[in-house]
Structure formats: C-alpha cells, structure tokens
Amino acid sequence: MEAKGYIERIDVMFWTIIGLILLFWFVGLILDIIGKLIHILLLVAIVILVFRIGRWISRK
C-alpha cells in the first residue's frame, strides 16, 4: 500500500516539474528573456517526458 502512495507522489512531482519547465519556457518565449536558454528548457522537458513515457510503457 505504501509503495503505491510513493509512486503517486513521484508522478505528481514529475508532472509538476514538467509543467514548470514548460511554463518557464513559454513565459521566456513571450518575453524574449534569456534567448537560447529558453529552447534548452523545452528540450530538457521533452527529454524528461520521453524518458518517463518509456519507463511507464516498460512497467506494463
């Protein structure tokens, strides 16, 4: 039972991190702050998302 709760907290943390990275990317894109770093944030978010989806598929 505790393992399920732990996994759910990890999932919430993961989606929060992805959401924040995408939010920062979007705000930076609109306000043209930091230049190329904004696109690096998007790339990081996509890599993390792909890695997470791969782990999710391998669990099934």
N, C-alpha and C. Protein backbone atom coordinates (compact mmCIF):
# COMPACT_ATOMS: atom_id res chain seq x y z
N MET A 1 0.83 -1.18 0.00
CA MET A 1 0.00 0.00 0.00
C MET A 1 0.88 1.26 0.00
N GLU A 2 1.96 1.27 0.79
CA GLU A 2 2.83 2.43 0.85
C GLU A 2 3.56 2.66 -0.47
N ALA A 3 3.91 1.61 -1.16
CA ALA A 3 4.62 1.75 -2.43
C ALA A 3 3.74 2.47 -3.44
N LYS A 4 2.45 2.20 -3.43
CA LYS A 4 1.54 2.86 -4.36
C LYS A 4 1.49 4.36 -4.08
N GLY A 5 1.43 4.73 -2.82
CA GLY A 5 1.42 6.14 -2.45
C GLY A 5 2.71 6.85 -2.85
N TYR A 6 3.83 6.14 -2.70
CA TYR A 6 5.12 6.70 -3.08
C TYR A 6 5.18 6.95 -4.58
N ILE A 7 4.71 5.99 -5.36
CA ILE A 7 4.71 6.13 -6.82
C ILE A 7 3.80 7.27 -7.24
N GLU A 8 2.66 7.42 -6.58
CA GLU A 8 1.75 8.52 -6.92
C GLU A 8 2.40 9.87 -6.63
N ARG A 9 3.15 9.97 -5.53
CA ARG A 9 3.83 11.23 -5.20
C ARG A 9 4.92 11.53 -6.22
N ILE A 10 5.63 10.50 -6.66
CA ILE A 10 6.66 10.69 -7.67
C ILE A 10 6.02 11.17 -8.97
N ASP A 11 4.88 10.59 -9.35
CA ASP A 11 4.18 11.02 -10.56
C ASP A 11 3.76 12.48 -10.46
N VAL A 12 3.23 12.89 -9.32
CA VAL A 12 2.81 14.28 -9.14
C VAL A 12 4.03 15.20 -9.24
N MET A 13 5.13 14.81 -8.62
CA MET A 13 6.35 15.62 -8.67
C MET A 13 6.85 15.73 -10.11
N PHE A 14 6.83 14.62 -10.83
CA PHE A 14 7.28 14.62 -12.22
C PHE A 14 6.46 15.58 -13.07
N TRP A 15 5.14 15.48 -12.98
CA TRP A 15 4.29 16.35 -13.80
C TRP A 15 4.40 17.81 -13.38
N THR A 16 4.66 18.06 -12.11
CA THR A 16 4.87 19.43 -11.65
C THR A 16 6.14 20.00 -12.25
N ILE A 17 7.21 19.22 -12.26
CA ILE A 17 8.47 19.68 -12.85
C ILE A 17 8.30 19.94 -14.34
N ILE A 18 7.67 19.03 -15.05
CA ILE A 18 7.43 19.22 -16.49
C ILE A 18 6.60 20.48 -16.72
N GLY A 19 5.55 20.65 -15.93
CA GLY A 19 4.69 21.83 -16.08
C GLY A 19 5.45 23.12 -15.83
N LEU A 20 6.29 23.15 -14.80
CA LEU A 20 7.06 24.36 -14.51
C LEU A 20 8.07 24.67 -15.62
N ILE A 21 8.74 23.64 -16.11
CA ILE A 21 9.70 23.86 -17.20
C ILE A 21 8.99 24.41 -18.43
N LEU A 22 7.85 23.83 -18.77
CA LEU A 22 7.10 24.32 -19.93
C LEU A 22 6.57 25.73 -19.70
N LEU A 23 6.13 26.03 -18.49
CA LEU A 23 5.66 27.38 -18.17
C LEU A 23 6.79 28.40 -18.30
N PHE A 24 7.96 28.08 -17.74
CA PHE A 24 9.10 28.99 -17.85
C PHE A 24 9.51 29.17 -19.31
N TRP A 25 9.46 28.10 -20.07
CA TRP A 25 9.79 28.20 -21.50
C TRP A 25 8.82 29.13 -22.21
N PHE A 26 7.53 28.95 -21.94
CA PHE A 26 6.51 29.76 -22.61
C PHE A 26 6.64 31.23 -22.23
N VAL A 27 6.81 31.52 -20.96
CA VAL A 27 6.97 32.91 -20.50
C VAL A 27 8.24 33.51 -21.10
N GLY A 28 9.32 32.77 -21.11
CA GLY A 28 10.55 33.26 -21.70
C GLY A 28 10.43 33.49 -23.19
N LEU A 29 9.67 32.65 -23.86
CA LEU A 29 9.47 32.81 -25.30
C LEU A 29 8.68 34.08 -25.59
N ILE A 30 7.64 34.32 -24.80
CA ILE A 30 6.81 35.51 -24.99
C ILE A 30 7.58 36.78 -24.66
N LEU A 31 8.31 36.78 -23.56
CA LEU A 31 9.00 37.98 -23.10
C LEU A 31 10.41 38.12 -23.69
N ASP A 32 10.84 37.14 -24.45
CA ASP A 32 12.16 37.11 -25.07
C ASP A 32 13.27 37.33 -24.03
N ILE A 33 13.17 36.57 -22.95
CA ILE A 33 14.17 36.62 -21.89
C ILE A 33 15.13 35.45 -22.06
N ILE A 34 16.37 35.68 -21.86
CA ILE A 34 17.42 34.67 -21.78
C ILE A 34 17.78 34.05 -23.13
N GLY A 35 17.09 34.35 -24.17
CA GLY A 35 17.47 33.89 -25.50
C GLY A 35 17.44 32.39 -25.69
N LYS A 36 18.59 31.80 -26.00
CA LYS A 36 18.68 30.38 -26.35
C LYS A 36 18.39 29.45 -25.17
N LEU A 37 18.56 29.93 -23.94
CA LEU A 37 18.31 29.09 -22.77
C LEU A 37 16.86 28.61 -22.73
N ILE A 38 15.96 29.42 -23.25
CA ILE A 38 14.54 29.06 -23.27
C ILE A 38 14.34 27.77 -24.07
N HIS A 39 15.02 27.66 -25.18
CA HIS A 39 14.87 26.47 -26.02
C HIS A 39 15.53 25.25 -25.37
N ILE A 40 16.56 25.48 -24.59
CA ILE A 40 17.18 24.38 -23.85
C ILE A 40 16.21 23.84 -22.81
N LEU A 41 15.45 24.73 -22.15
CA LEU A 41 14.43 24.29 -21.19
C LEU A 41 13.39 23.41 -21.86
N LEU A 42 12.95 23.80 -23.05
CA LEU A 42 11.98 22.98 -23.77
C LEU A 42 12.57 21.62 -24.11
N LEU A 43 13.80 21.60 -24.55
CA LEU A 43 14.46 20.34 -24.87
C LEU A 43 14.57 19.44 -23.64
N VAL A 44 14.92 20.02 -22.50
CA VAL A 44 15.01 19.25 -21.25
C VAL A 44 13.65 18.66 -20.90
N ALA A 45 12.59 19.47 -21.02
CA ALA A 45 11.25 18.98 -20.71
C ALA A 45 10.85 17.83 -21.62
N ILE A 46 11.17 17.92 -22.89
CA ILE A 46 10.82 16.87 -23.84
C ILE A 46 11.60 15.59 -23.54
N VAL A 47 12.89 15.72 -23.23
CA VAL A 47 13.71 14.55 -22.92
C VAL A 47 13.19 13.85 -21.67
N ILE A 48 12.87 14.63 -20.64
CA ILE A 48 12.34 14.04 -19.41
C ILE A 48 11.01 13.35 -19.68
N LEU A 49 10.16 13.97 -20.47
CA LEU A 49 8.86 13.39 -20.80
C LEU A 49 9.01 12.08 -21.56
N VAL A 50 9.89 12.05 -22.55
CA VAL A 50 10.11 10.82 -23.32
C VAL A 50 10.67 9.72 -22.42
N PHE A 51 11.62 10.06 -21.55
CA PHE A 51 12.18 9.09 -20.62
C PHE A 51 11.09 8.53 -19.71
N ARG A 52 10.23 9.39 -19.22
CA ARG A 52 9.17 8.97 -18.31
C ARG A 52 8.15 8.07 -19.03
N ILE A 53 7.79 8.43 -20.24
CA ILE A 53 6.85 7.61 -21.00
C ILE A 53 7.46 6.23 -21.27
N GLY A 54 8.75 6.19 -21.57
CA GLY A 54 9.43 4.91 -21.79
C GLY A 54 9.39 4.03 -20.56
N ARG A 55 9.60 4.62 -19.39
CA ARG A 55 9.54 3.85 -18.15
C ARG A 55 8.11 3.40 -17.87
N TRP A 56 7.14 4.25 -18.19
CA TRP A 56 5.74 3.92 -17.95
C TRP A 56 5.32 2.74 -18.83
N ILE A 57 5.75 2.74 -20.08
CA ILE A 57 5.40 1.66 -21.00
C ILE A 57 6.08 0.35 -20.57
N SER A 58 7.33 0.44 -20.10
CA SER A 58 8.04 -0.78 -19.71
C SER A 58 7.45 -1.42 -18.45
N ARG A 59 6.73 -0.65 -17.63
CA ARG A 59 6.10 -1.21 -16.43
C ARG A 59 4.89 -2.06 -16.77
N LYS A 60 4.26 -1.80 -17.89
CA LYS A 60 3.03 -2.52 -18.24
C LYS A 60 3.30 -3.87 -18.78
